[in-house]
């Protein structure tokens, strides 16, 4: 390995630089381009040294001056696009001085940097036909080109030439050059262990296809990549889904990482009792290294095929957002709505496993989801879910009996879980419930009632857009003294689920703390739900009515989420 400070001349000295097809797409945005350009411009004007970062390249076996870009492709791509923008601004006679930094020698216009498959077409267009780029493009490689173009428009020809010469000649880079027999994976990981890390998905993908290239060839690896990985994670239709950031505790992780974590649990690569998420990519690489050399090709393809199959299961689960329409009978949507509302993402590996295992037994799958739904909704002991769900997967694979009974028995074995699945516990909870949980429960009680009532059969769909309203307000002491009496009694009534309803939009703040009739007039304008319409004929709102309504909601709750199934002996 050789590492040295260098100018952009290292690109000219290479016959071709190839960015592997399995490296991630170009992701820099305007804030990156702005900082990048401003730093270079300030360095040029002040004649002070500036450091852009490192680039790792690896010489290809038996090919003189053909190298693979192992790390630094985002910076390298950005810099070369800036060079092309400046190049376009020069007089033709001056362009010849810089042609070798952009195009291969002895060709008309073949790019010196052969880009990854994902960005290759756009990058070639910038190098060969940049006049055809839509000036409105503001993202990705085209957005980068347009941004730099706007920044250098004010440069005259002399300044353009001087600026270009300066940033090419200056030793802005540290170039690490590996020999063909050196392990770039170790270098790749060490470089990405500091600063802005690649996602676990990037590193796992790199390890998979690095192994594929070494054990087969570039053509076979490319075929597998296109068939199993690109079509699943990187197609235009799927990319937004897999790149979305999902809150998981205190940090956000992209959805593809969440899936690969789930896959590792299902396949026994990840043990929550032993491993942390920081080790996810390392666990994959360790597994990939242990693949039997006699069956490497078969096992690698089987692994990729299995990743694709389970990823498609995850992708096809209901997608829950503010526009989702819900119907009571759509059990999978209801389950994922509850999971999303309580942010219990640790159940995902088990649900993927159940969906895959029970493909031919939807009734059992539905019953398993129903039990998990009740557990997630009622249980207040959520800390060890990740270990519990992983153990269910592991232990159920050894069982000869039915998954439904096995899951029920495992839930019942936990004293903490079972204690929350008792009628007395649920009653106590609904008599003193927080707004977050109450809003969800009332929404599904509404859908349940619509499902039962014939006149609502044609209008049973609802969006989760309703606001929770306390009927007797939390500021009770001005207009509700005859009911509240004192703080203890008032709180005992205010936070019962029977004292709550859902309204479209938010009730006018001036009405929220007024007497019942004034408040009811405001509620009536937003009363499009059954659970709210039933209030309109109430001439008064008092302790008896609150308790009576709470009891009815408890009855509805237990009809929807039958906790008694965990107390049955058979």
Protein backbone atom coordinates (compact mmCIF):
# COMPACT_ATOMS: atom_id res chain seq x y z
CA UNK A 1 0.00 0.00 0.00
CA UNK A 2 1.22 3.48 -0.87
CA UNK A 3 -0.26 6.69 0.50
CA UNK A 4 0.80 10.15 -0.60
CA UNK A 5 -0.41 13.72 -0.96
CA UNK A 6 -1.35 14.41 -4.52
CA UNK A 7 -3.09 16.79 -6.86
CA UNK A 8 -5.79 15.78 -9.30
CA UNK A 9 -2.96 14.74 -11.59
CA UNK A 10 -3.31 11.22 -10.20
CA UNK A 11 -6.45 10.91 -12.36
CA UNK A 12 -4.54 11.92 -15.47
CA UNK A 13 -1.89 9.30 -14.70
CA UNK A 14 -4.48 6.52 -14.61
CA UNK A 15 -5.67 4.98 -17.85
CA UNK A 16 -9.09 4.47 -16.29
CA UNK A 17 -10.63 4.70 -12.82
CA UNK A 18 -13.61 2.40 -12.30
CA UNK A 19 -16.20 2.91 -9.56
CA UNK A 20 -17.57 -0.61 -8.83
CA UNK A 21 -21.14 -1.25 -9.77
CA UNK A 22 -22.00 -2.26 -6.18
CA UNK A 23 -20.95 1.03 -4.61
CA UNK A 24 -23.78 3.32 -3.53
CA UNK A 25 -25.24 5.96 -5.80
CA UNK A 26 -24.20 9.60 -5.71
CA UNK A 27 -25.87 11.19 -2.67
CA UNK A 28 -24.31 14.62 -2.16
CA UNK A 29 -26.73 17.55 -1.99
CA UNK A 30 -26.62 21.33 -2.34
CA UNK A 31 -25.16 21.91 1.13
CA UNK A 32 -22.24 19.61 0.24
CA UNK A 33 -21.62 21.30 -3.14
CA UNK A 34 -21.79 24.75 -1.57
CA UNK A 35 -19.26 23.93 1.14
CA UNK A 36 -17.04 22.11 -1.38
CA UNK A 37 -16.99 25.04 -3.83
CA UNK A 38 -16.61 27.74 -1.16
CA UNK A 39 -13.64 25.95 0.39
CA UNK A 40 -11.89 25.60 -2.98
CA UNK A 41 -12.61 29.21 -3.95
CA UNK A 42 -11.33 30.54 -0.62
CA UNK A 43 -8.21 28.38 -0.91
CA UNK A 44 -7.60 29.73 -4.43
CA UNK A 45 -8.09 33.37 -3.45
CA UNK A 46 -6.01 33.18 -0.27
CA UNK A 47 -3.45 30.74 -1.73
CA UNK A 48 -3.78 28.65 1.43
CA UNK A 49 -3.60 24.88 1.38
CA UNK A 50 -6.84 22.93 1.62
CA UNK A 51 -7.51 19.21 2.13
CA UNK A 52 -10.46 17.55 0.35
CA UNK A 53 -10.02 14.09 1.82
CA UNK A 54 -8.69 10.68 0.90
CA UNK A 55 -9.27 8.53 -2.15
CA UNK A 56 -8.48 4.81 -2.08
CA UNK A 57 -7.80 3.11 -5.38
CA UNK A 58 -6.75 -0.45 -6.12
CA UNK A 59 -4.66 -1.52 -9.09
CA UNK A 60 -6.36 -4.26 -11.10
CA UNK A 61 -4.61 -7.60 -11.55
CA UNK A 62 -2.55 -7.71 -14.72
CA UNK A 63 -3.77 -4.32 -15.95
CA UNK A 64 -1.34 -1.43 -16.00
CA UNK A 65 -2.86 1.83 -14.76
CA UNK A 66 -6.40 0.46 -14.51
CA UNK A 67 -7.65 1.05 -10.97
CA UNK A 68 -10.80 0.50 -8.93
CA UNK A 69 -12.11 3.29 -6.65
CA UNK A 70 -12.56 1.70 -3.24
CA UNK A 71 -13.45 4.85 -1.29
CA UNK A 72 -13.91 8.56 -2.04
CA UNK A 73 -16.20 8.27 -5.04
CA UNK A 74 -18.54 11.05 -3.78
CA UNK A 75 -15.69 13.59 -3.55
CA UNK A 76 -14.05 12.34 -6.73
CA UNK A 77 -17.28 12.53 -8.70
CA UNK A 78 -18.05 16.02 -7.39
CA UNK A 79 -14.57 17.32 -8.19
CA UNK A 80 -14.57 15.87 -11.72
CA UNK A 81 -17.98 17.47 -12.40
CA UNK A 82 -16.59 20.84 -11.28
CA UNK A 83 -13.63 20.31 -13.62
CA UNK A 84 -16.06 19.59 -16.48
CA UNK A 85 -18.05 22.77 -15.74
CA UNK A 86 -14.85 24.82 -15.79
CA UNK A 87 -13.66 22.97 -18.89
CA UNK A 88 -16.86 23.93 -20.72
CA UNK A 89 -16.19 27.61 -19.93
CA UNK A 90 -12.74 27.66 -21.51
CA UNK A 91 -11.80 28.61 -25.03
CA UNK A 92 -11.25 25.47 -27.18
CA UNK A 93 -7.52 26.19 -27.38
CA UNK A 94 -7.26 26.10 -23.58
CA UNK A 95 -9.41 23.00 -23.18
CA UNK A 96 -6.63 20.82 -24.60
CA UNK A 97 -4.52 21.40 -21.48
CA UNK A 98 -7.11 19.66 -19.33
CA UNK A 99 -8.63 17.02 -21.58
CA UNK A 100 -6.62 14.15 -20.04
CA UNK A 101 -8.19 14.82 -16.64
CA UNK A 102 -11.65 14.05 -18.00
CA UNK A 103 -11.25 11.70 -20.95
CA UNK A 104 -9.23 8.59 -21.66
CA UNK A 105 -6.12 9.11 -23.76
CA UNK A 106 -6.41 8.12 -27.44
CA UNK A 107 -10.20 8.39 -27.38
CA UNK A 108 -12.50 11.18 -28.50
CA UNK A 109 -14.56 11.49 -25.34
CA UNK A 110 -14.57 8.28 -23.28
CA UNK A 111 -14.74 9.30 -19.57
CA UNK A 112 -11.57 8.75 -17.56
CA UNK A 113 -13.77 7.81 -14.59
CA UNK A 114 -16.00 4.84 -15.41
CA UNK A 115 -18.89 5.35 -13.01
CA UNK A 116 -21.02 2.89 -11.05
CA UNK A 117 -23.94 1.35 -12.89
CA UNK A 118 -26.45 3.43 -11.00
CA UNK A 119 -25.02 6.81 -12.10
CA UNK A 120 -23.09 5.83 -15.23
CA UNK A 121 -25.60 7.07 -17.81
CA UNK A 122 -25.96 10.52 -16.20
CA UNK A 123 -22.23 10.90 -15.65
CA UNK A 124 -21.48 10.06 -19.28
CA UNK A 125 -24.06 12.66 -20.35
CA UNK A 126 -22.27 15.33 -18.29
CA UNK A 127 -18.95 14.42 -19.92
CA UNK A 128 -20.22 13.99 -23.47
CA UNK A 129 -23.41 16.01 -23.89
CA UNK A 130 -23.78 18.46 -21.00
CA UNK A 131 -25.63 21.03 -23.13
CA UNK A 132 -28.65 18.70 -23.11
CA UNK A 133 -28.98 18.67 -19.31
CA UNK A 134 -32.21 20.20 -18.02
CA UNK A 135 -31.19 23.40 -16.15
CA UNK A 136 -34.03 22.79 -13.66
CA UNK A 137 -32.41 19.61 -12.34
CA UNK A 138 -31.37 20.31 -8.75
CA UNK A 139 -30.59 16.88 -7.30
CA UNK A 140 -28.05 14.14 -7.90
CA UNK A 141 -25.31 14.32 -10.47
CA UNK A 142 -27.23 16.68 -12.78
CA UNK A 143 -28.04 18.93 -9.82
CA UNK A 144 -24.33 19.07 -8.97
CA UNK A 145 -23.49 20.07 -12.54
CA UNK A 146 -26.13 22.83 -12.59
CA UNK A 147 -25.05 24.17 -9.19
CA UNK A 148 -21.38 24.52 -10.20
CA UNK A 149 -22.42 26.00 -13.53
CA UNK A 150 -24.33 28.74 -11.71
CA UNK A 151 -21.33 29.46 -9.48
CA UNK A 152 -18.76 29.90 -12.28
CA UNK A 153 -20.93 31.93 -14.65
CA UNK A 154 -19.36 35.13 -13.32
CA UNK A 155 -15.80 33.90 -14.01
CA UNK A 156 -14.00 35.34 -17.02
CA UNK A 157 -11.83 33.07 -19.15
CA UNK A 158 -8.59 34.01 -17.35
CA UNK A 159 -10.04 33.38 -13.89
CA UNK A 160 -11.54 30.08 -15.03
CA UNK A 161 -8.19 28.93 -16.38
CA UNK A 162 -6.28 30.04 -13.25
CA UNK A 163 -8.82 28.53 -10.86
CA UNK A 164 -8.85 25.26 -12.77
CA UNK A 165 -5.07 25.10 -12.89
CA UNK A 166 -4.81 25.84 -9.16
CA UNK A 167 -7.26 23.16 -7.95
CA UNK A 168 -5.75 20.54 -10.27
CA UNK A 169 -2.14 21.24 -9.27
CA UNK A 170 -2.71 21.74 -5.54
CA UNK A 171 -2.17 18.74 -3.32
CA UNK A 172 -5.74 18.59 -2.14
CA UNK A 173 -5.90 14.81 -1.83
CA UNK A 174 -4.32 11.91 -0.01
CA UNK A 175 -4.31 9.07 -2.50
CA UNK A 176 -4.02 5.56 -1.08
CA UNK A 177 -3.03 3.07 -3.77
CA UNK A 178 -3.42 -0.65 -3.05
CA UNK A 179 -1.72 -3.43 -4.94
CA UNK A 180 -3.84 -6.09 -6.60
CA UNK A 181 -3.20 -8.63 -3.82
CA UNK A 182 -4.11 -6.32 -0.89
CA UNK A 183 -7.41 -6.68 0.99
CA UNK A 184 -9.39 -3.54 0.26
CA UNK A 185 -12.22 -4.63 2.55
CA UNK A 186 -10.10 -3.98 5.66
CA UNK A 187 -9.05 -0.56 4.36
CA UNK A 188 -12.62 0.21 3.29
CA UNK A 189 -13.98 -0.48 6.77
CA UNK A 190 -11.24 1.37 8.64
CA UNK A 191 -11.70 4.48 6.49
CA UNK A 192 -15.45 4.36 7.10
CA UNK A 193 -15.18 3.80 10.83
CA UNK A 194 -14.77 7.55 11.36
CA UNK A 195 -16.47 10.60 9.91
CA UNK A 196 -19.68 10.10 7.95
CA UNK A 197 -20.10 6.34 7.87
CA UNK A 198 -21.58 4.35 5.08
CA UNK A 199 -24.74 2.56 6.14
CA UNK A 200 -24.59 -1.08 7.15
CA UNK A 201 -26.45 -1.76 3.90
CA UNK A 202 -23.60 -0.27 1.85
CA UNK A 203 -20.96 -2.29 3.66
CA UNK A 204 -22.93 -5.55 3.52
CA UNK A 205 -23.60 -5.06 -0.19
CA UNK A 206 -19.93 -4.35 -0.77
CA UNK A 207 -18.91 -7.54 1.08
CA UNK A 208 -21.44 -9.70 -0.79
CA UNK A 209 -20.45 -8.62 -4.27
CA UNK A 210 -16.77 -8.39 -3.47
CA UNK A 211 -17.05 -12.10 -2.57
CA UNK A 212 -19.09 -12.75 -5.71
CA UNK A 213 -16.45 -11.17 -7.95
CA UNK A 214 -13.62 -13.06 -6.28
CA UNK A 215 -15.34 -16.45 -6.37
CA UNK A 216 -16.93 -16.13 -9.82
CA UNK A 217 -16.22 -13.19 -12.12
CA UNK A 218 -17.36 -9.65 -12.87
CA UNK A 219 -20.05 -10.80 -15.30
CA UNK A 220 -21.62 -13.29 -12.89
CA UNK A 221 -21.49 -10.79 -10.01
CA UNK A 222 -23.16 -8.18 -12.22
CA UNK A 223 -25.91 -10.63 -13.18
CA UNK A 224 -26.58 -11.46 -9.54
CA UNK A 225 -26.51 -7.81 -8.59
CA UNK A 226 -29.10 -6.89 -11.21
CA UNK A 227 -31.30 -9.92 -10.52
CA UNK A 228 -31.31 -9.98 -6.72
CA UNK A 229 -30.09 -6.65 -5.31
CA UNK A 230 -30.70 -3.80 -7.73
CA UNK A 231 -34.22 -4.94 -8.63
CA UNK A 232 -35.06 -5.24 -4.94
CA UNK A 233 -33.36 -2.28 -3.22
CA UNK A 234 -32.26 0.17 -5.90
CA UNK A 235 -34.93 0.28 -8.60
CA UNK A 236 -36.66 3.64 -9.08
CA UNK A 237 -39.88 2.19 -7.69
CA UNK A 238 -38.28 0.84 -4.49
CA UNK A 239 -35.39 3.21 -3.74
CA UNK A 240 -37.39 5.76 -1.76
CA UNK A 241 -38.87 3.05 0.45
CA UNK A 242 -35.54 1.44 1.34
CA UNK A 243 -33.68 4.74 1.85
CA UNK A 244 -36.31 6.23 4.16
CA UNK A 245 -35.04 6.97 7.67
CA UNK A 246 -37.04 5.37 10.46
CA UNK A 247 -36.74 6.43 14.12
CA UNK A 248 -35.53 3.50 16.25
CA UNK A 249 -35.08 4.73 19.78
CA UNK A 250 -32.70 7.68 19.93
CA UNK A 251 -31.35 7.30 16.39
CA UNK A 252 -32.70 6.98 12.86
CA UNK A 253 -31.77 4.11 10.57
CA UNK A 254 -32.56 3.62 6.92
CA UNK A 255 -35.20 1.00 6.27
CA UNK A 256 -32.82 -1.30 4.39
CA UNK A 257 -30.66 -1.50 7.55
CA UNK A 258 -33.73 -2.34 9.62
CA UNK A 259 -34.54 -5.14 7.19
CA UNK A 260 -30.99 -6.54 7.11
CA UNK A 261 -31.00 -6.56 10.91
CA UNK A 262 -34.29 -8.49 10.81
CA UNK A 263 -32.88 -10.91 8.22
CA UNK A 264 -29.80 -11.53 10.38
CA UNK A 265 -32.03 -12.40 13.36
CA UNK A 266 -34.18 -14.75 11.28
CA UNK A 267 -31.10 -16.52 9.91
CA UNK A 268 -29.40 -16.74 13.31
CA UNK A 269 -26.53 -14.41 12.40
CA UNK A 270 -27.53 -11.85 15.02
CA UNK A 271 -28.22 -12.73 18.66
CA UNK A 272 -29.65 -9.80 20.69
CA UNK A 273 -28.20 -11.37 23.85
CA UNK A 274 -24.67 -11.16 22.44
CA UNK A 275 -24.52 -8.62 19.62
CA UNK A 276 -25.06 -4.89 19.15
CA UNK A 277 -26.25 -3.15 16.00
CA UNK A 278 -22.80 -1.67 15.50
CA UNK A 279 -21.62 -5.20 14.70
CA UNK A 280 -24.27 -5.92 12.05
CA UNK A 281 -22.05 -5.52 8.98
CA UNK A 282 -19.19 -7.40 10.65
CA UNK A 283 -21.50 -10.34 11.40
CA UNK A 284 -22.54 -10.49 7.75
CA UNK A 285 -18.91 -10.38 6.60
CA UNK A 286 -17.93 -13.12 9.04
CA UNK A 287 -20.74 -15.28 7.69
CA UNK A 288 -19.82 -14.57 4.07
CA UNK A 289 -16.24 -15.59 4.78
CA UNK A 290 -17.36 -18.93 6.19
CA UNK A 291 -19.34 -19.96 3.11
CA UNK A 292 -18.12 -23.40 2.01
CA UNK A 293 -15.66 -22.95 -0.84
CA UNK A 294 -16.90 -26.13 -2.51
CA UNK A 295 -20.38 -24.67 -2.73
CA UNK A 296 -19.56 -20.94 -2.75
CA UNK A 297 -21.43 -20.10 -5.93
CA UNK A 298 -24.54 -22.01 -4.90
CA UNK A 299 -24.56 -20.70 -1.33
CA UNK A 300 -23.96 -17.10 -2.38
CA UNK A 301 -26.83 -17.20 -4.84
CA UNK A 302 -29.06 -18.89 -2.26
CA UNK A 303 -28.22 -16.15 0.24
CA UNK A 304 -29.01 -13.40 -2.26
CA UNK A 305 -32.22 -15.14 -3.29
CA UNK A 306 -33.32 -15.46 0.34
CA UNK A 307 -32.53 -11.80 1.05
CA UNK A 308 -34.64 -10.85 -1.95
CA UNK A 309 -37.56 -13.09 -0.93
CA UNK A 310 -37.77 -11.75 2.63
CA UNK A 311 -37.14 -8.16 1.49
CA UNK A 312 -40.13 -8.45 -0.85
CA UNK A 313 -42.26 -9.69 2.05
CA UNK A 314 -41.27 -6.61 4.05
CA UNK A 315 -41.80 -4.30 1.07
CA UNK A 316 -45.33 -5.65 0.53
CA UNK A 317 -46.46 -5.15 4.11
CA UNK A 318 -49.04 -2.34 4.44
CA UNK A 319 -47.42 1.10 4.32
CA UNK A 320 -48.82 3.34 7.03
CA UNK A 321 -48.86 7.13 6.69
CA UNK A 322 -51.23 10.05 7.24
CA UNK A 323 -53.10 9.25 4.02
CA UNK A 324 -53.71 5.56 4.76
CA UNK A 325 -57.36 4.53 4.75
CA UNK A 326 -58.29 1.99 7.43
CA UNK A 327 -61.06 -0.61 7.56
CA UNK A 328 -61.62 -2.70 10.66
CA UNK A 329 -61.40 -6.06 8.89
CA UNK A 330 -58.01 -5.33 7.27
CA UNK A 331 -56.09 -7.08 10.01
CA UNK A 332 -52.58 -6.53 8.64
CA UNK A 333 -53.14 -2.78 8.33
CA UNK A 334 -54.50 -2.63 11.86
CA UNK A 335 -51.50 -4.54 13.19
CA UNK A 336 -48.95 -2.29 11.46
CA UNK A 337 -50.85 0.83 12.48
CA UNK A 338 -50.50 -0.22 16.13
CA UNK A 339 -46.84 -1.19 15.62
CA UNK A 340 -46.09 2.17 13.97
CA UNK A 341 -47.99 4.18 16.57
CA UNK A 342 -46.07 2.58 19.44
CA UNK A 343 -42.84 2.34 17.37
CA UNK A 344 -42.28 -1.35 18.19
CA UNK A 345 -39.97 -2.09 15.25
CA UNK A 346 -38.36 -4.99 17.11
CA UNK A 347 -41.34 -7.18 16.14
CA UNK A 348 -40.44 -6.93 12.44
CA UNK A 349 -38.14 -10.02 12.26
CA UNK A 350 -40.85 -12.19 13.79
CA UNK A 351 -43.58 -10.87 11.48
CA UNK A 352 -41.42 -11.44 8.38
CA UNK A 353 -40.61 -14.94 9.65
CA UNK A 354 -44.32 -15.70 10.27
CA UNK A 355 -45.37 -14.38 6.86
CA UNK A 356 -42.72 -16.49 5.14
CA UNK A 357 -43.32 -19.64 7.19
CA UNK A 358 -47.14 -19.45 7.02
CA UNK A 359 -47.53 -18.52 3.35
CA UNK A 360 -49.99 -21.38 2.89
CA UNK A 361 -51.82 -20.91 6.19
CA UNK A 362 -53.23 -17.40 6.33
CA UNK A 363 -55.59 -18.20 9.20
CA UNK A 364 -52.72 -19.15 11.51
CA UNK A 365 -50.73 -16.11 10.35
CA UNK A 366 -53.72 -13.90 11.14
CA UNK A 367 -54.13 -15.40 14.61
CA UNK A 368 -50.42 -14.97 15.36
CA UNK A 369 -50.57 -11.31 14.34
CA UNK A 370 -53.68 -10.88 16.49
CA UNK A 371 -51.89 -12.19 19.58
CA UNK A 372 -48.88 -9.97 18.93
CA UNK A 373 -51.19 -7.01 18.40
CA UNK A 374 -52.85 -7.56 21.79
CA UNK A 375 -49.46 -7.94 23.46
CA UNK A 376 -48.04 -4.74 21.91
CA UNK A 377 -51.17 -2.75 22.71
CA UNK A 378 -51.64 -3.89 26.32
CA UNK A 379 -48.15 -4.64 27.54
CA UNK A 380 -46.31 -1.98 29.50
CA UNK A 381 -43.04 -4.00 29.67
CA UNK A 382 -41.57 -3.28 26.24
CA UNK A 383 -37.82 -3.14 26.98
CA UNK A 384 -36.88 -6.73 26.16
CA UNK A 385 -39.07 -7.20 23.09
CA UNK A 386 -36.06 -7.62 20.79
CA UNK A 387 -34.78 -10.59 22.79
CA UNK A 388 -38.24 -12.09 23.22
CA UNK A 389 -39.17 -11.93 19.53
CA UNK A 390 -35.75 -13.27 18.45
CA UNK A 391 -36.12 -16.19 20.87
CA UNK A 392 -39.57 -16.98 19.45
CA UNK A 393 -38.03 -17.28 15.97
CA UNK A 394 -35.16 -19.44 17.16
CA UNK A 395 -37.18 -21.75 19.38
CA UNK A 396 -40.14 -22.15 17.02
CA UNK A 397 -37.82 -23.56 14.37
CA UNK A 398 -37.22 -26.51 16.70
CA UNK A 399 -40.91 -27.08 17.42
CA UNK A 400 -43.00 -29.72 15.70
CA UNK A 401 -46.30 -28.28 16.90
CA UNK A 402 -48.31 -25.33 15.59
CA UNK A 403 -46.88 -21.82 15.60
CA UNK A 404 -50.08 -20.35 16.96
CA UNK A 405 -50.09 -22.42 20.15
CA UNK A 406 -46.33 -22.05 20.55
CA UNK A 407 -46.54 -18.24 20.37
CA UNK A 408 -49.46 -18.12 22.81
CA UNK A 409 -47.66 -20.36 25.30
CA UNK A 410 -44.45 -18.29 25.08
CA UNK A 411 -46.40 -15.10 25.82
CA UNK A 412 -48.13 -16.82 28.75
CA UNK A 413 -44.79 -18.00 30.16
CA UNK A 414 -43.80 -14.39 30.82
CA UNK A 415 -45.29 -13.30 34.14
CA UNK A 416 -44.74 -9.64 33.23
CA UNK A 417 -46.55 -9.98 29.91
CA UNK A 418 -49.36 -12.12 31.29
CA UNK A 419 -50.02 -9.68 34.13
CA UNK A 420 -50.87 -7.01 31.52
CA UNK A 421 -53.26 -9.35 29.73
CA UNK A 422 -55.82 -9.53 32.53
CA UNK A 423 -59.24 -7.86 32.49
CA UNK A 424 -58.60 -6.05 35.77
CA UNK A 425 -55.33 -4.60 34.41
CA UNK A 426 -57.01 -3.41 31.19
CA UNK A 427 -59.84 -1.83 33.15
CA UNK A 428 -57.39 0.01 35.39
CA UNK A 429 -55.46 1.19 32.33
CA UNK A 430 -58.56 2.52 30.53
CA UNK A 431 -59.65 4.37 33.67
CA UNK A 432 -56.37 6.32 33.62
CA UNK A 433 -55.06 6.40 30.06
CA UNK A 434 -52.68 8.76 28.24
CA UNK A 435 -53.78 10.69 25.16
CA UNK A 436 -51.49 8.79 22.78
CA UNK A 437 -52.99 5.39 23.60
CA UNK A 438 -56.55 6.70 23.96
CA UNK A 439 -56.51 8.27 20.50
CA UNK A 440 -55.50 4.97 18.90
CA UNK A 441 -58.01 2.87 20.85
CA UNK A 442 -60.93 5.23 20.20
CA UNK A 443 -60.08 5.28 16.48
CA UNK A 444 -60.32 1.48 16.25
CA UNK A 445 -63.43 1.35 18.42
CA UNK A 446 -65.01 3.74 15.93
CA UNK A 447 -64.04 1.48 13.03
CA UNK A 448 -65.32 -1.54 14.96
CA UNK A 449 -68.71 0.09 15.51
CA UNK A 450 -68.95 1.10 11.86
CA UNK A 451 -68.11 -2.47 10.92
CA UNK A 452 -71.04 -3.71 13.03
CA UNK A 453 -73.65 -1.14 11.98
CA UNK A 454 -75.33 -1.83 8.64
CA UNK A 455 -76.03 1.80 7.81
CA UNK A 456 -72.27 2.51 7.88
CA UNK A 457 -71.28 -0.33 5.54
CA UNK A 458 -70.57 2.11 2.70
CA UNK A 459 -68.58 4.60 4.79
CA UNK A 460 -66.41 2.39 6.94
CA UNK A 461 -63.00 3.71 5.79
CA UNK A 462 -61.25 6.33 7.91
CA UNK A 463 -57.92 8.13 7.99
CA UNK A 464 -56.07 8.53 11.27
CA UNK A 465 -56.44 12.30 11.31
CA UNK A 466 -58.58 12.89 14.38
CA UNK A 467 -57.67 14.91 17.46
CA UNK A 468 -58.33 13.70 20.99
CA UNK A 469 -60.58 15.90 23.11
CA UNK A 470 -61.30 15.61 26.85
CA UNK A 471 -65.01 16.29 27.39
CA UNK A 472 -64.55 17.39 30.99
CA UNK A 473 -61.43 19.53 30.53
CA UNK A 474 -58.15 19.33 32.43
CA UNK A 475 -58.72 22.99 33.46
CA UNK A 476 -61.93 22.13 35.29
CA UNK A 477 -62.00 24.44 38.28
CA UNK A 478 -63.89 27.34 36.65
CA UNK A 479 -66.85 25.71 34.90
CA UNK A 480 -66.84 22.13 36.28
CA UNK A 481 -66.50 22.54 40.07
CA UNK A 482 -69.78 20.79 40.80
CA UNK A 483 -68.41 17.63 39.12
CA UNK A 484 -64.68 17.88 39.78
CA UNK A 485 -64.98 18.89 43.47
CA UNK A 486 -61.23 18.45 44.13
CA UNK A 487 -58.04 17.58 42.19
CA UNK A 488 -58.09 13.88 43.05
CA UNK A 489 -61.69 13.32 42.00
CA UNK A 490 -61.36 15.53 38.92
CA UNK A 491 -58.30 13.66 37.65
CA UNK A 492 -60.09 10.35 38.23
CA UNK A 493 -62.78 11.48 35.79
CA UNK A 494 -60.80 13.51 33.25
CA UNK A 495 -58.42 10.71 32.27
CA UNK A 496 -60.97 7.95 31.88
CA UNK A 497 -61.36 6.87 28.27
CA UNK A 498 -65.11 7.51 28.61
CA UNK A 499 -64.34 11.23 29.04
CA UNK A 500 -62.58 11.36 25.69
CA UNK A 501 -63.63 11.56 22.06
CA UNK A 502 -62.18 12.26 18.63
CA UNK A 503 -62.93 15.34 16.54
CA UNK A 504 -61.94 16.36 13.03
CA UNK A 505 -59.43 19.16 13.44
CA UNK A 506 -58.88 20.78 16.82
CA UNK A 507 -61.58 22.26 18.97
CA UNK A 508 -61.33 26.03 19.30
CA UNK A 509 -59.13 26.72 22.34
CA UNK A 510 -61.66 29.27 23.60
CA UNK A 511 -64.26 26.47 23.88
CA UNK A 512 -62.11 23.72 25.38
CA UNK A 513 -62.53 24.73 29.02
CA UNK A 514 -66.09 26.09 28.90
CA UNK A 515 -69.24 24.55 30.37
CA UNK A 516 -70.79 21.46 28.76
CA UNK A 517 -73.40 23.13 26.54
CA UNK A 518 -70.93 25.68 25.15
CA UNK A 519 -68.40 22.96 24.51
CA UNK A 520 -70.99 20.65 22.96
CA UNK A 521 -71.92 23.34 20.43
CA UNK A 522 -68.29 23.36 19.26
CA UNK A 523 -68.04 19.56 19.20
CA UNK A 524 -71.24 19.25 17.14
CA UNK A 525 -69.56 21.05 14.22
CA UNK A 526 -66.87 18.35 14.08
CA UNK A 527 -68.95 15.32 15.04
CA UNK A 528 -68.64 12.99 12.05
CA UNK A 529 -67.81 9.88 14.12
CA UNK A 530 -70.23 7.53 15.89
CA UNK A 531 -68.36 7.90 19.18
CA UNK A 532 -68.84 11.68 18.97
CA UNK A 533 -72.36 11.80 17.56
CA UNK A 534 -73.59 9.79 20.55
CA UNK A 535 -72.76 12.79 22.74
CA UNK A 536 -75.00 15.28 20.94
CA UNK A 537 -78.18 14.36 22.83
CA UNK A 538 -76.51 14.60 26.23
CA UNK A 539 -77.95 17.63 28.02
CA UNK A 540 -75.39 17.33 30.76
CA UNK A 541 -72.06 15.65 31.31
CA UNK A 542 -71.36 14.29 34.75
CA UNK A 543 -69.65 11.52 36.72
CA UNK A 544 -72.30 8.89 35.95
CA UNK A 545 -72.20 9.49 32.22
CA UNK A 546 -68.38 9.38 32.15
CA UNK A 547 -68.30 6.07 34.03
CA UNK A 548 -71.07 4.55 31.93
CA UNK A 549 -69.27 5.49 28.71
CA UNK A 550 -65.97 4.13 30.07
CA UNK A 551 -67.64 0.77 30.78
CA UNK A 552 -68.99 0.63 27.23
CA UNK A 553 -65.54 1.38 25.77
CA UNK A 554 -64.04 -1.36 27.96
CA UNK A 555 -66.64 -3.77 26.56
CA UNK A 556 -65.77 -2.66 22.99
CA UNK A 557 -62.05 -3.00 23.73
CA UNK A 558 -62.34 -6.59 24.94
CA UNK A 559 -64.54 -7.52 21.98
CA UNK A 560 -61.86 -6.19 19.63
CA UNK A 561 -58.79 -7.39 21.57
CA UNK A 562 -59.88 -10.56 23.36
CA UNK A 563 -57.28 -10.79 26.12
CA UNK A 564 -59.07 -13.84 27.56
CA UNK A 565 -57.41 -16.06 24.92
CA UNK A 566 -54.24 -15.94 27.04
CA UNK A 567 -56.10 -17.24 30.09
CA UNK A 568 -57.68 -20.25 28.40
CA UNK A 569 -56.37 -23.64 29.42
CA UNK A 570 -56.45 -25.23 25.95
